[in-house]
C-alpha atoms as a PDB file:
ATOM      1  CA  UNK A   1      22.846  50.469   8.372  1.00  0.00           C
ATOM      2  CA  UNK A   2      26.606  50.266   7.808  1.00  0.00           C
ATOM      3  CA  UNK A   3      26.909  53.950   6.958  1.00  0.00           C
ATOM      4  CA  UNK A   4      25.013  54.977  10.086  1.00  0.00           C
ATOM      5  CA  UNK A   5      27.217  52.753  12.249  1.00  0.00           C
ATOM      6  CA  UNK A   6      30.335  54.237  10.625  1.00  0.00           C
ATOM      7  CA  UNK A   7      29.121  57.757  11.343  1.00  0.00           C
ATOM      8  CA  UNK A   8      28.385  56.930  14.979  1.00  0.00           C
ATOM      9  CA  UNK A   9      31.753  55.216  15.441  1.00  0.00           C
ATOM     10  CA  UNK A  10      33.495  58.157  13.766  1.00  0.00           C
ATOM     11  CA  UNK A  11      31.667  60.615  16.008  1.00  0.00           C
ATOM     12  CA  UNK A  12      32.694  58.710  19.141  1.00  0.00           C
ATOM     13  CA  UNK A  13      36.266  58.484  17.860  1.00  0.00           C
ATOM     14  CA  UNK A  14      36.360  62.216  17.106  1.00  0.00           C
ATOM     15  CA  UNK A  15      35.138  63.031  20.581  1.00  0.00           C
ATOM     16  CA  UNK A  16      37.762  60.737  22.135  1.00  0.00           C
ATOM     17  CA  UNK A  17      40.486  62.161  19.903  1.00  0.00           C
ATOM     18  CA  UNK A  18      39.489  65.669  20.976  1.00  0.00           C
ATOM     19  CA  UNK A  19      40.001  64.609  24.585  1.00  0.00           C
ATOM     20  CA  UNK A  20      43.377  63.036  23.786  1.00  0.00           C
ATOM     21  CA  UNK A  21      44.739  65.863  21.628  1.00  0.00           C
ATOM     22  CA  UNK A  22      44.147  68.924  23.744  1.00  0.00           C
ATOM     23  CA  UNK A  23      44.526  72.311  22.116  1.00  0.00           C
ATOM     24  CA  UNK A  24      43.635  71.242  18.583  1.00  0.00           C
ATOM     25  CA  UNK A  25      40.983  73.977  18.661  1.00  0.00           C
ATOM     26  CA  UNK A  26      38.357  72.487  16.353  1.00  0.00           C
ATOM     27  CA  UNK A  27      35.550  72.268  18.911  1.00  0.00           C
ATOM     28  CA  UNK A  28      33.161  69.398  19.481  1.00  0.00           C
ATOM     29  CA  UNK A  29      31.554  69.390  16.017  1.00  0.00           C
ATOM     30  CA  UNK A  30      34.899  69.846  14.278  1.00  0.00           C
ATOM     31  CA  UNK A  31      36.423  66.997  16.241  1.00  0.00           C
ATOM     32  CA  UNK A  32      33.479  64.746  15.352  1.00  0.00           C
ATOM     33  CA  UNK A  33      33.961  65.527  11.663  1.00  0.00           C
ATOM     34  CA  UNK A  34      37.684  64.870  12.040  1.00  0.00           C
ATOM     35  CA  UNK A  35      36.786  61.606  13.788  1.00  0.00           C
ATOM     36  CA  UNK A  36      34.709  60.496  10.832  1.00  0.00           C
ATOM     37  CA  UNK A  37      37.565  61.374   8.486  1.00  0.00           C
ATOM     38  CA  UNK A  38      39.996  59.638  10.842  1.00  0.00           C
ATOM     39  CA  UNK A  39      37.821  56.532  10.801  1.00  0.00           C
ATOM     40  CA  UNK A  40      38.050  56.458   7.033  1.00  0.00           C
ATOM     41  CA  UNK A  41      41.814  57.010   7.122  1.00  0.00           C
ATOM     42  CA  UNK A  42      42.354  54.320   9.768  1.00  0.00           C
ATOM     43  CA  UNK A  43      40.017  51.934   7.963  1.00  0.00           C
ATOM     44  CA  UNK A  44      42.252  52.153   4.938  1.00  0.00           C
ATOM     45  CA  UNK A  45      45.708  52.675   6.464  1.00  0.00           C
ATOM     46  CA  UNK A  46      45.837  50.178   9.329  1.00  0.00           C
ATOM     47  CA  UNK A  47      44.999  47.109   7.184  1.00  0.00           C
ATOM     48  CA  UNK A  48      47.562  48.271   4.622  1.00  0.00           C
ATOM     49  CA  UNK A  49      50.187  48.240   7.369  1.00  0.00           C
ATOM     50  CA  UNK A  50      48.957  44.886   8.683  1.00  0.00           C
ATOM     51  CA  UNK A  51      47.973  46.348  12.058  1.00  0.00           C
ATOM     52  CA  UNK A  52      44.996  44.842  13.875  1.00  0.00           C
ATOM     53  CA  UNK A  53      44.288  46.493  17.225  1.00  0.00           C
ATOM     54  CA  UNK A  54      41.077  44.676  18.157  1.00  0.00           C
ATOM     55  CA  UNK A  55      37.950  43.237  16.582  1.00  0.00           C
ATOM     56  CA  UNK A  56      34.283  44.103  16.764  1.00  0.00           C
ATOM     57  CA  UNK A  57      32.732  47.432  17.577  1.00  0.00           C
ATOM     58  CA  UNK A  58      35.279  48.258  20.264  1.00  0.00           C
ATOM     59  CA  UNK A  59      38.077  47.560  17.799  1.00  0.00           C
ATOM     60  CA  UNK A  60      36.439  49.818  15.229  1.00  0.00           C
ATOM     61  CA  UNK A  61      36.205  52.622  17.767  1.00  0.00           C
ATOM     62  CA  UNK A  62      39.844  52.105  18.747  1.00  0.00           C
ATOM     63  CA  UNK A  63      40.980  52.083  15.108  1.00  0.00           C
ATOM     64  CA  UNK A  64      38.948  55.186  14.318  1.00  0.00           C
ATOM     65  CA  UNK A  65      40.290  56.965  17.408  1.00  0.00           C
ATOM     66  CA  UNK A  66      43.868  56.278  16.336  1.00  0.00           C
ATOM     67  CA  UNK A  67      43.067  57.616  12.866  1.00  0.00           C
ATOM     68  CA  UNK A  68      41.329  60.674  14.295  1.00  0.00           C
ATOM     69  CA  UNK A  69      44.264  61.442  16.588  1.00  0.00           C
ATOM     70  CA  UNK A  70      46.615  61.265  13.599  1.00  0.00           C
ATOM     71  CA  UNK A  71      44.346  63.544  11.552  1.00  0.00           C
ATOM     72  CA  UNK A  72      43.975  66.019  14.453  1.00  0.00           C
ATOM     73  CA  UNK A  73      47.735  66.186  14.972  1.00  0.00           C
ATOM     74  CA  UNK A  74      48.370  66.759  11.267  1.00  0.00           C
ATOM     75  CA  UNK A  75      45.651  69.407  11.051  1.00  0.00           C
ATOM     76  CA  UNK A  76      46.930  71.211  14.137  1.00  0.00           C
ATOM     77  CA  UNK A  77      50.441  71.262  12.657  1.00  0.00           C
ATOM     78  CA  UNK A  78      49.082  72.680   9.389  1.00  0.00           C
ATOM     79  CA  UNK A  79      46.963  75.219  11.302  1.00  0.00           C
ATOM     80  CA  UNK A  80      50.039  76.507  13.154  1.00  0.00           C
ATOM     81  CA  UNK A  81      52.124  76.922   9.996  1.00  0.00           C
END
């Protein structure tokens, strides 16, 4: 059940990140995949930095969205180069 919840949270985060970072050009499915990757990145990076944004499901979505935005920005910079 945990993996399914992580995928759903990552998909929501990717969709939100796609709305936040306009012009990334990865489309809906690409942004969802980036959201899942961003959720993994944020799940590892934010605790390492000692950052806690919120708790519960809403906090997980917020963390994953931050991670997805970071991943989308990095990927868009690499795509342009």
